[in-house]
């Protein structure tokens, strides 16, 4: 069997109806896994699952009992559960002091509690099966909190803590890792792509000089689910094109200085090594 084949696997993807979640489901399906897509009521998850021959389940990940039932149902309908991808998430943008109690509760419930509920439901099934892989979708905002997204950043930091702690508790039977995407084109970030004035500075700040695609996150998730990553657990893989490398504030100044120095080089300096 090839190390990247998943033809003996049964995968559940939360937030699977669109964006990164759907890209992951498609990637795992191409690798041979049977897939179940979970998403909120009204998300057209059945339409997304149909081309994959997958199971579609509507569930609000904020509801622990509903998540338990959804994971149990997916296990039964797939004929097993060996992969769990916690991708369901939501965000918003405003100053911290303007968030209401309800907004805080919803952001924590979807991004952090939903991940915990799904892991809690899936772990016993995987332990009984004798194997399993969990990949949690965190964010670069988990380690570098972003202006206007502090509740989201806090929730995603919690996801990283869950990932590392659970990897300790459930190894070697279950491997548990996280991915932290940067700016990836998806329904959550689509507003950036409608405004070049906002998007262009973002792209200029990224060493690879572009934002990412959902399929590029899916490729990394596939790797983490496969035997190719069999000695990796408790890790957070950043997928951001190098966006977090530059030091805020000083990097643009240094870049400008280097450009000025380059333009000021005398012609004789260009050939001095000859």
C-alpha atoms as a PDB file:
ATOM      1  CA  UNK A   1       0.000   0.000   0.000  1.00  0.00           C
ATOM      2  CA  UNK A   2       1.279   3.475  -0.846  1.00  0.00           C
ATOM      3  CA  UNK A   3       2.058   5.610   2.193  1.00  0.00           C
ATOM      4  CA  UNK A   4      -0.381   8.327   1.096  1.00  0.00           C
ATOM      5  CA  UNK A   5      -3.275   5.948   0.364  1.00  0.00           C
ATOM      6  CA  UNK A   6      -6.350   6.210   2.590  1.00  0.00           C
ATOM      7  CA  UNK A   7      -8.336   3.385   1.036  1.00  0.00           C
ATOM      8  CA  UNK A   8      -8.759   1.690   4.415  1.00  0.00           C
ATOM      9  CA  UNK A   9      -9.972   4.855   6.126  1.00  0.00           C
ATOM     10  CA  UNK A  10     -13.252   6.447   7.148  1.00  0.00           C
ATOM     11  CA  UNK A  11     -13.122  10.226   7.535  1.00  0.00           C
ATOM     12  CA  UNK A  12     -15.408  12.789   9.146  1.00  0.00           C
ATOM     13  CA  UNK A  13     -14.944  16.436   8.153  1.00  0.00           C
ATOM     14  CA  UNK A  14     -16.778  19.113  10.117  1.00  0.00           C
ATOM     15  CA  UNK A  15     -17.556  22.344   8.298  1.00  0.00           C
ATOM     16  CA  UNK A  16     -17.363  20.218   5.171  1.00  0.00           C
ATOM     17  CA  UNK A  17     -19.960  21.880   2.942  1.00  0.00           C
ATOM     18  CA  UNK A  18     -17.666  24.510   1.428  1.00  0.00           C
ATOM     19  CA  UNK A  19     -14.284  26.207   1.489  1.00  0.00           C
ATOM     20  CA  UNK A  20     -11.355  24.503   3.189  1.00  0.00           C
ATOM     21  CA  UNK A  21     -13.546  21.750   4.632  1.00  0.00           C
ATOM     22  CA  UNK A  22     -14.894  20.724   1.245  1.00  0.00           C
ATOM     23  CA  UNK A  23     -11.409  20.853  -0.285  1.00  0.00           C
ATOM     24  CA  UNK A  24     -10.187  18.521   2.464  1.00  0.00           C
ATOM     25  CA  UNK A  25     -13.101  16.127   1.960  1.00  0.00           C
ATOM     26  CA  UNK A  26     -12.395  15.987  -1.781  1.00  0.00           C
ATOM     27  CA  UNK A  27      -8.689  15.380  -1.173  1.00  0.00           C
ATOM     28  CA  UNK A  28      -9.306  12.535   1.277  1.00  0.00           C
ATOM     29  CA  UNK A  29     -11.866  11.018  -1.075  1.00  0.00           C
ATOM     30  CA  UNK A  30      -9.347  11.061  -3.946  1.00  0.00           C
ATOM     31  CA  UNK A  31      -6.891   9.262  -1.669  1.00  0.00           C
ATOM     32  CA  UNK A  32      -9.439   6.484  -1.183  1.00  0.00           C
ATOM     33  CA  UNK A  33     -11.173   7.343   2.086  1.00  0.00           C
ATOM     34  CA  UNK A  34     -14.898   7.095   2.612  1.00  0.00           C
ATOM     35  CA  UNK A  35     -16.040  10.491   3.814  1.00  0.00           C
ATOM     36  CA  UNK A  36     -18.803  12.023   5.913  1.00  0.00           C
ATOM     37  CA  UNK A  37     -19.385  15.760   5.691  1.00  0.00           C
ATOM     38  CA  UNK A  38     -20.858  17.508   8.724  1.00  0.00           C
ATOM     39  CA  UNK A  39     -22.105  21.079   8.560  1.00  0.00           C
ATOM     40  CA  UNK A  40     -24.699  23.350  10.084  1.00  0.00           C
ATOM     41  CA  UNK A  41     -28.391  23.097   9.151  1.00  0.00           C
ATOM     42  CA  UNK A  42     -29.131  24.926   5.924  1.00  0.00           C
ATOM     43  CA  UNK A  43     -25.580  24.615   4.615  1.00  0.00           C
ATOM     44  CA  UNK A  44     -26.429  22.390   1.621  1.00  0.00           C
ATOM     45  CA  UNK A  45     -24.080  19.724   2.965  1.00  0.00           C
ATOM     46  CA  UNK A  46     -26.015  17.021   1.102  1.00  0.00           C
ATOM     47  CA  UNK A  47     -25.258  18.744  -2.197  1.00  0.00           C
ATOM     48  CA  UNK A  48     -21.555  18.895  -1.317  1.00  0.00           C
ATOM     49  CA  UNK A  49     -21.364  15.245  -0.254  1.00  0.00           C
ATOM     50  CA  UNK A  50     -23.216  13.760  -3.239  1.00  0.00           C
ATOM     51  CA  UNK A  51     -20.379  13.906  -5.829  1.00  0.00           C
ATOM     52  CA  UNK A  52     -18.104  12.169  -3.318  1.00  0.00           C
ATOM     53  CA  UNK A  53     -20.564   9.396  -2.595  1.00  0.00           C
ATOM     54  CA  UNK A  54     -20.284  10.663   0.950  1.00  0.00           C
ATOM     55  CA  UNK A  55     -22.472  10.792   4.006  1.00  0.00           C
ATOM     56  CA  UNK A  56     -24.063  14.169   4.778  1.00  0.00           C
ATOM     57  CA  UNK A  57     -25.087  15.133   8.302  1.00  0.00           C
ATOM     58  CA  UNK A  58     -26.486  18.455   9.472  1.00  0.00           C
ATOM     59  CA  UNK A  59     -25.268  19.405  12.941  1.00  0.00           C
ATOM     60  CA  UNK A  60     -24.675  22.521  15.013  1.00  0.00           C
ATOM     61  CA  UNK A  61     -21.247  21.936  16.582  1.00  0.00           C
ATOM     62  CA  UNK A  62     -22.204  24.208  19.485  1.00  0.00           C
ATOM     63  CA  UNK A  63     -24.590  21.470  20.696  1.00  0.00           C
ATOM     64  CA  UNK A  64     -22.675  18.680  22.479  1.00  0.00           C
ATOM     65  CA  UNK A  65     -25.507  16.154  22.314  1.00  0.00           C
ATOM     66  CA  UNK A  66     -26.016  16.806  18.613  1.00  0.00           C
ATOM     67  CA  UNK A  67     -22.288  16.357  17.969  1.00  0.00           C
ATOM     68  CA  UNK A  68     -22.298  13.044  19.848  1.00  0.00           C
ATOM     69  CA  UNK A  69     -25.208  11.844  17.741  1.00  0.00           C
ATOM     70  CA  UNK A  70     -23.592  13.045  14.503  1.00  0.00           C
ATOM     71  CA  UNK A  71     -20.289  11.292  15.180  1.00  0.00           C
ATOM     72  CA  UNK A  72     -22.110   8.089  16.162  1.00  0.00           C
ATOM     73  CA  UNK A  73     -24.226   8.268  13.017  1.00  0.00           C
ATOM     74  CA  UNK A  74     -21.201   8.902  10.797  1.00  0.00           C
ATOM     75  CA  UNK A  75     -19.397   5.917  12.291  1.00  0.00           C
ATOM     76  CA  UNK A  76     -22.372   3.671  11.652  1.00  0.00           C
ATOM     77  CA  UNK A  77     -23.080   4.908   8.132  1.00  0.00           C
ATOM     78  CA  UNK A  78     -19.458   4.871   7.002  1.00  0.00           C
ATOM     79  CA  UNK A  79     -18.734   1.510   8.583  1.00  0.00           C
ATOM     80  CA  UNK A  80     -15.998   2.966  10.744  1.00  0.00           C
ATOM     81  CA  UNK A  81     -14.239   6.135  11.867  1.00  0.00           C
ATOM     82  CA  UNK A  82     -10.470   6.443  11.604  1.00  0.00           C
ATOM     83  CA  UNK A  83     -10.018  10.112  10.641  1.00  0.00           C
ATOM     84  CA  UNK A  84     -11.564  13.231  12.167  1.00  0.00           C
ATOM     85  CA  UNK A  85     -10.991  16.663  10.665  1.00  0.00           C
ATOM     86  CA  UNK A  86     -12.207  19.467  12.911  1.00  0.00           C
ATOM     87  CA  UNK A  87     -12.641  22.272  10.416  1.00  0.00           C
ATOM     88  CA  UNK A  88     -15.876  23.983  11.500  1.00  0.00           C
ATOM     89  CA  UNK A  89     -15.189  27.582  12.398  1.00  0.00           C
ATOM     90  CA  UNK A  90     -16.432  31.137  12.248  1.00  0.00           C
ATOM     91  CA  UNK A  91     -15.049  34.607  12.825  1.00  0.00           C
ATOM     92  CA  UNK A  92     -15.814  38.295  12.891  1.00  0.00           C
ATOM     93  CA  UNK A  93     -13.909  41.564  13.101  1.00  0.00           C
ATOM     94  CA  UNK A  94     -14.313  44.369  15.629  1.00  0.00           C
ATOM     95  CA  UNK A  95     -12.501  45.880  18.639  1.00  0.00           C
ATOM     96  CA  UNK A  96     -12.391  43.602  21.668  1.00  0.00           C
ATOM     97  CA  UNK A  97     -14.438  45.878  23.926  1.00  0.00           C
ATOM     98  CA  UNK A  98     -17.304  45.929  21.408  1.00  0.00           C
ATOM     99  CA  UNK A  99     -17.891  42.172  21.411  1.00  0.00           C
ATOM    100  CA  UNK A 100     -21.106  41.208  23.161  1.00  0.00           C
ATOM    101  CA  UNK A 101     -21.381  38.279  25.545  1.00  0.00           C
ATOM    102  CA  UNK A 102     -23.328  36.366  22.903  1.00  0.00           C
ATOM    103  CA  UNK A 103     -20.713  36.986  20.211  1.00  0.00           C
ATOM    104  CA  UNK A 104     -17.947  35.831  22.540  1.00  0.00           C
ATOM    105  CA  UNK A 105     -19.920  32.726  23.499  1.00  0.00           C
ATOM    106  CA  UNK A 106     -20.658  31.844  19.858  1.00  0.00           C
ATOM    107  CA  UNK A 107     -17.047  32.247  18.721  1.00  0.00           C
ATOM    108  CA  UNK A 108     -15.748  30.088  21.565  1.00  0.00           C
ATOM    109  CA  UNK A 109     -18.548  27.547  21.086  1.00  0.00           C
ATOM    110  CA  UNK A 110     -17.994  27.023  17.353  1.00  0.00           C
ATOM    111  CA  UNK A 111     -14.201  27.270  17.174  1.00  0.00           C
ATOM    112  CA  UNK A 112     -13.151  25.645  20.450  1.00  0.00           C
ATOM    113  CA  UNK A 113     -16.031  23.802  22.119  1.00  0.00           C
ATOM    114  CA  UNK A 114     -17.140  22.237  18.831  1.00  0.00           C
ATOM    115  CA  UNK A 115     -13.636  20.865  18.333  1.00  0.00           C
ATOM    116  CA  UNK A 116     -13.625  19.455  21.864  1.00  0.00           C
ATOM    117  CA  UNK A 117     -17.069  17.868  21.478  1.00  0.00           C
ATOM    118  CA  UNK A 118     -16.129  16.123  18.226  1.00  0.00           C
ATOM    119  CA  UNK A 119     -12.817  14.874  19.623  1.00  0.00           C
ATOM    120  CA  UNK A 120     -14.515  13.601  22.768  1.00  0.00           C
ATOM    121  CA  UNK A 121     -17.060  11.696  20.705  1.00  0.00           C
ATOM    122  CA  UNK A 122     -14.557  10.248  18.224  1.00  0.00           C
ATOM    123  CA  UNK A 123     -11.769   9.172  20.582  1.00  0.00           C
ATOM    124  CA  UNK A 124     -13.566   6.145  22.125  1.00  0.00           C
ATOM    125  CA  UNK A 125     -14.465   4.865  18.648  1.00  0.00           C
ATOM    126  CA  UNK A 126     -10.855   5.180  17.487  1.00  0.00           C
ATOM    127  CA  UNK A 127      -9.488   3.574  20.645  1.00  0.00           C
ATOM    128  CA  UNK A 128     -11.790   0.609  20.142  1.00  0.00           C
ATOM    129  CA  UNK A 129     -10.701   0.362  16.495  1.00  0.00           C
ATOM    130  CA  UNK A 130      -7.067   0.453  17.577  1.00  0.00           C
ATOM    131  CA  UNK A 131      -6.073   3.395  15.394  1.00  0.00           C
ATOM    132  CA  UNK A 132      -7.034   6.918  14.446  1.00  0.00           C
ATOM    133  CA  UNK A 133      -5.914  10.328  13.226  1.00  0.00           C
ATOM    134  CA  UNK A 134      -7.314  13.712  14.218  1.00  0.00           C
ATOM    135  CA  UNK A 135      -6.400  16.974  12.496  1.00  0.00           C
ATOM    136  CA  UNK A 136      -7.675  20.226  13.975  1.00  0.00           C
ATOM    137  CA  UNK A 137      -7.879  23.405  11.924  1.00  0.00           C
ATOM    138  CA  UNK A 138      -6.396  26.178  14.052  1.00  0.00           C
ATOM    139  CA  UNK A 139      -5.014  29.427  12.604  1.00  0.00           C
ATOM    140  CA  UNK A 140      -1.911  31.577  12.514  1.00  0.00           C
ATOM    141  CA  UNK A 141      -4.023  33.818  14.775  1.00  0.00           C
ATOM    142  CA  UNK A 142      -3.659  31.172  17.497  1.00  0.00           C
ATOM    143  CA  UNK A 143       0.000  32.003  18.040  1.00  0.00           C
ATOM    144  CA  UNK A 144       0.003  35.581  16.728  1.00  0.00           C
ATOM    145  CA  UNK A 145      -3.316  37.181  17.771  1.00  0.00           C
ATOM    146  CA  UNK A 146      -4.784  39.436  15.134  1.00  0.00           C
ATOM    147  CA  UNK A 147      -6.213  42.902  15.636  1.00  0.00           C
ATOM    148  CA  UNK A 148     -10.024  42.810  15.861  1.00  0.00           C
ATOM    149  CA  UNK A 149     -10.187  39.012  16.160  1.00  0.00           C
ATOM    150  CA  UNK A 150      -9.236  38.425  19.788  1.00  0.00           C
ATOM    151  CA  UNK A 151     -12.072  36.022  20.696  1.00  0.00           C
ATOM    152  CA  UNK A 152     -11.321  34.018  17.548  1.00  0.00           C
ATOM    153  CA  UNK A 153      -7.591  34.059  18.316  1.00  0.00           C
ATOM    154  CA  UNK A 154      -8.218  32.923  21.887  1.00  0.00           C
ATOM    155  CA  UNK A 155     -10.429  30.066  20.699  1.00  0.00           C
ATOM    156  CA  UNK A 156      -7.856  28.912  18.168  1.00  0.00           C
ATOM    157  CA  UNK A 157      -5.111  29.042  20.811  1.00  0.00           C
ATOM    158  CA  UNK A 158      -7.310  26.695  22.812  1.00  0.00           C
ATOM    159  CA  UNK A 159      -7.487  24.373  19.807  1.00  0.00           C
ATOM    160  CA  UNK A 160      -3.693  24.129  19.817  1.00  0.00           C
ATOM    161  CA  UNK A 161      -3.709  23.285  23.518  1.00  0.00           C
ATOM    162  CA  UNK A 162      -6.328  20.584  22.927  1.00  0.00           C
ATOM    163  CA  UNK A 163      -4.230  19.193  20.091  1.00  0.00           C
ATOM    164  CA  UNK A 164      -1.001  18.914  22.046  1.00  0.00           C
ATOM    165  CA  UNK A 165      -2.632  17.662  25.231  1.00  0.00           C
ATOM    166  CA  UNK A 166      -4.725  15.009  23.479  1.00  0.00           C
ATOM    167  CA  UNK A 167      -1.700  13.824  21.487  1.00  0.00           C
ATOM    168  CA  UNK A 168      -0.062  13.034  24.832  1.00  0.00           C
ATOM    169  CA  UNK A 169      -3.115  11.303  26.241  1.00  0.00           C
ATOM    170  CA  UNK A 170      -3.997   9.107  23.287  1.00  0.00           C
ATOM    171  CA  UNK A 171      -0.707   8.192  21.646  1.00  0.00           C
ATOM    172  CA  UNK A 172       0.346   5.826  20.256  1.00  0.00           C
ATOM    173  CA  UNK A 173      -3.123   4.672  19.197  1.00  0.00           C
ATOM    174  CA  UNK A 174      -4.298   8.064  17.925  1.00  0.00           C
ATOM    175  CA  UNK A 175      -2.121  10.695  16.272  1.00  0.00           C
ATOM    176  CA  UNK A 176      -3.391  14.258  16.723  1.00  0.00           C
ATOM    177  CA  UNK A 177      -2.047  17.319  14.915  1.00  0.00           C
ATOM    178  CA  UNK A 178      -3.172  20.791  13.898  1.00  0.00           C
ATOM    179  CA  UNK A 179      -2.819  22.971  10.842  1.00  0.00           C
ATOM    180  CA  UNK A 180      -2.692  26.749  11.019  1.00  0.00           C
ATOM    181  CA  UNK A 181      -3.604  28.401   7.725  1.00  0.00           C
ATOM    182  CA  UNK A 182      -2.716  31.999   6.980  1.00  0.00           C
ATOM    183  CA  UNK A 183      -4.712  33.965   4.431  1.00  0.00           C
ATOM    184  CA  UNK A 184      -6.457  31.267   2.391  1.00  0.00           C
ATOM    185  CA  UNK A 185      -9.143  31.999  -0.175  1.00  0.00           C
ATOM    186  CA  UNK A 186     -12.402  30.751   1.286  1.00  0.00           C
ATOM    187  CA  UNK A 187     -15.899  32.073   2.039  1.00  0.00           C
ATOM    188  CA  UNK A 188     -14.539  33.556   5.295  1.00  0.00           C
ATOM    189  CA  UNK A 189     -11.920  35.641   3.451  1.00  0.00           C
ATOM    190  CA  UNK A 190     -13.731  36.380   0.198  1.00  0.00           C
ATOM    191  CA  UNK A 191     -14.192  40.046   1.088  1.00  0.00           C
ATOM    192  CA  UNK A 192     -10.411  40.520   0.700  1.00  0.00           C
ATOM    193  CA  UNK A 193     -10.523  39.330  -2.883  1.00  0.00           C
ATOM    194  CA  UNK A 194     -13.231  41.816  -3.769  1.00  0.00           C
ATOM    195  CA  UNK A 195     -11.015  44.743  -2.770  1.00  0.00           C
ATOM    196  CA  UNK A 196      -7.579  44.855  -4.470  1.00  0.00           C
ATOM    197  CA  UNK A 197      -6.563  47.814  -2.320  1.00  0.00           C
ATOM    198  CA  UNK A 198      -6.768  45.538   0.721  1.00  0.00           C
ATOM    199  CA  UNK A 199      -5.498  42.347  -0.899  1.00  0.00           C
ATOM    200  CA  UNK A 200      -2.383  43.723  -2.610  1.00  0.00           C
ATOM    201  CA  UNK A 201      -0.571  44.810   0.601  1.00  0.00           C
ATOM    202  CA  UNK A 202      -1.283  41.371   2.072  1.00  0.00           C
ATOM    203  CA  UNK A 203       0.233  39.643  -0.945  1.00  0.00           C
ATOM    204  CA  UNK A 204       3.278  41.927  -0.884  1.00  0.00           C
ATOM    205  CA  UNK A 205       3.933  41.001   2.742  1.00  0.00           C
ATOM    206  CA  UNK A 206       4.043  37.261   1.999  1.00  0.00           C
ATOM    207  CA  UNK A 207       7.442  35.839   0.928  1.00  0.00           C
ATOM    208  CA  UNK A 208       5.703  33.666  -1.675  1.00  0.00           C
ATOM    209  CA  UNK A 209       3.935  36.853  -2.877  1.00  0.00           C
ATOM    210  CA  UNK A 210       0.433  35.405  -2.933  1.00  0.00           C
ATOM    211  CA  UNK A 211      -2.299  34.136  -0.680  1.00  0.00           C
ATOM    212  CA  UNK A 212      -3.142  30.463  -0.389  1.00  0.00           C
ATOM    213  CA  UNK A 213      -5.770  28.168  -1.839  1.00  0.00           C
ATOM    214  CA  UNK A 214      -7.976  25.734   0.048  1.00  0.00           C
ATOM    215  CA  UNK A 215      -6.459  22.838  -1.878  1.00  0.00           C
ATOM    216  CA  UNK A 216      -3.034  23.685  -0.455  1.00  0.00           C
ATOM    217  CA  UNK A 217      -4.366  23.244   3.065  1.00  0.00           C
ATOM    218  CA  UNK A 218      -6.053  20.015   1.972  1.00  0.00           C
ATOM    219  CA  UNK A 219      -2.734  18.625   0.709  1.00  0.00           C
ATOM    220  CA  UNK A 220      -1.116  19.121   4.116  1.00  0.00           C
ATOM    221  CA  UNK A 221      -4.090  17.590   5.916  1.00  0.00           C
ATOM    222  CA  UNK A 222      -3.907  14.567   3.609  1.00  0.00           C
ATOM    223  CA  UNK A 223      -0.235  14.171   4.510  1.00  0.00           C
ATOM    224  CA  UNK A 224      -1.040  14.304   8.234  1.00  0.00           C
ATOM    225  CA  UNK A 225      -3.731  11.644   7.792  1.00  0.00           C
ATOM    226  CA  UNK A 226      -1.472   9.285   5.859  1.00  0.00           C
ATOM    227  CA  UNK A 227       1.260   6.833   6.792  1.00  0.00           C
ATOM    228  CA  UNK A 228       3.753   9.303   5.367  1.00  0.00           C
ATOM    229  CA  UNK A 229       3.383  11.263   8.645  1.00  0.00           C
ATOM    230  CA  UNK A 230       3.320   8.215  10.934  1.00  0.00           C
ATOM    231  CA  UNK A 231       5.942   9.663  13.317  1.00  0.00           C
ATOM    232  CA  UNK A 232       4.307  13.081  13.656  1.00  0.00           C
ATOM    233  CA  UNK A 233       1.928  13.907  16.484  1.00  0.00           C
ATOM    234  CA  UNK A 234       1.169  16.887  18.704  1.00  0.00           C
ATOM    235  CA  UNK A 235       2.410  19.323  16.060  1.00  0.00           C
ATOM    236  CA  UNK A 236       1.057  22.481  14.475  1.00  0.00           C
ATOM    237  CA  UNK A 237       1.833  22.875  10.774  1.00  0.00           C
ATOM    238  CA  UNK A 238       1.685  26.494   9.609  1.00  0.00           C
ATOM    239  CA  UNK A 239       0.432  26.997   6.035  1.00  0.00           C
ATOM    240  CA  UNK A 240       0.877  30.701   5.360  1.00  0.00           C
ATOM    241  CA  UNK A 241       3.426  31.159   2.566  1.00  0.00           C
ATOM    242  CA  UNK A 242       5.821  32.594   5.135  1.00  0.00           C
ATOM    243  CA  UNK A 243       3.455  35.423   6.075  1.00  0.00           C
ATOM    244  CA  UNK A 244       4.447  35.385   9.755  1.00  0.00           C
ATOM    245  CA  UNK A 245       8.193  35.537   9.129  1.00  0.00           C
ATOM    246  CA  UNK A 246       8.574  39.336   8.731  1.00  0.00           C
ATOM    247  CA  UNK A 247       8.853  41.379  11.911  1.00  0.00           C
ATOM    248  CA  UNK A 248       5.934  43.772  12.110  1.00  0.00           C
ATOM    249  CA  UNK A 249       6.865  47.422  11.787  1.00  0.00           C
ATOM    250  CA  UNK A 250      10.550  47.105  10.963  1.00  0.00           C
ATOM    251  CA  UNK A 251      10.324  44.749   7.986  1.00  0.00           C
ATOM    252  CA  UNK A 252       8.887  47.323   5.588  1.00  0.00           C
ATOM    253  CA  UNK A 253      11.575  49.813   6.644  1.00  0.00           C
ATOM    254  CA  UNK A 254      14.350  47.277   6.096  1.00  0.00           C
ATOM    255  CA  UNK A 255      12.964  46.324   2.706  1.00  0.00           C
ATOM    256  CA  UNK A 256      12.859  49.971   1.659  1.00  0.00           C
ATOM    257  CA  UNK A 257      16.434  50.458   2.877  1.00  0.00           C
ATOM    258  CA  UNK A 258      17.676  47.442   0.930  1.00  0.00           C
ATOM    259  CA  UNK A 259      15.954  48.687  -2.211  1.00  0.00           C
ATOM    260  CA  UNK A 260      17.587  52.099  -1.809  1.00  0.00           C
ATOM    261  CA  UNK A 261      20.996  50.511  -1.272  1.00  0.00           C
ATOM    262  CA  UNK A 262      20.556  48.350  -4.353  1.00  0.00           C
ATOM    263  CA  UNK A 263      19.655  51.337  -6.521  1.00  0.00           C
ATOM    264  CA  UNK A 264      22.616  53.289  -5.167  1.00  0.00           C
ATOM    265  CA  UNK A 265      25.208  50.677  -6.095  1.00  0.00           C
ATOM    266  CA  UNK A 266      27.764  52.046  -8.554  1.00  0.00           C
ATOM    267  CA  UNK A 267      28.255  50.296 -11.903  1.00  0.00           C
ATOM    268  CA  UNK A 268      31.840  49.335 -10.982  1.00  0.00           C
ATOM    269  CA  UNK A 269      30.545  47.533  -7.906  1.00  0.00           C
ATOM    270  CA  UNK A 270      28.370  45.326 -10.098  1.00  0.00           C
ATOM    271  CA  UNK A 271      31.430  43.825 -11.803  1.00  0.00           C
ATOM    272  CA  UNK A 272      33.958  43.976  -8.957  1.00  0.00           C
ATOM    273  CA  UNK A 273      34.064  40.179  -8.563  1.00  0.00           C
ATOM    274  CA  UNK A 274      35.383  39.791 -12.126  1.00  0.00           C
END
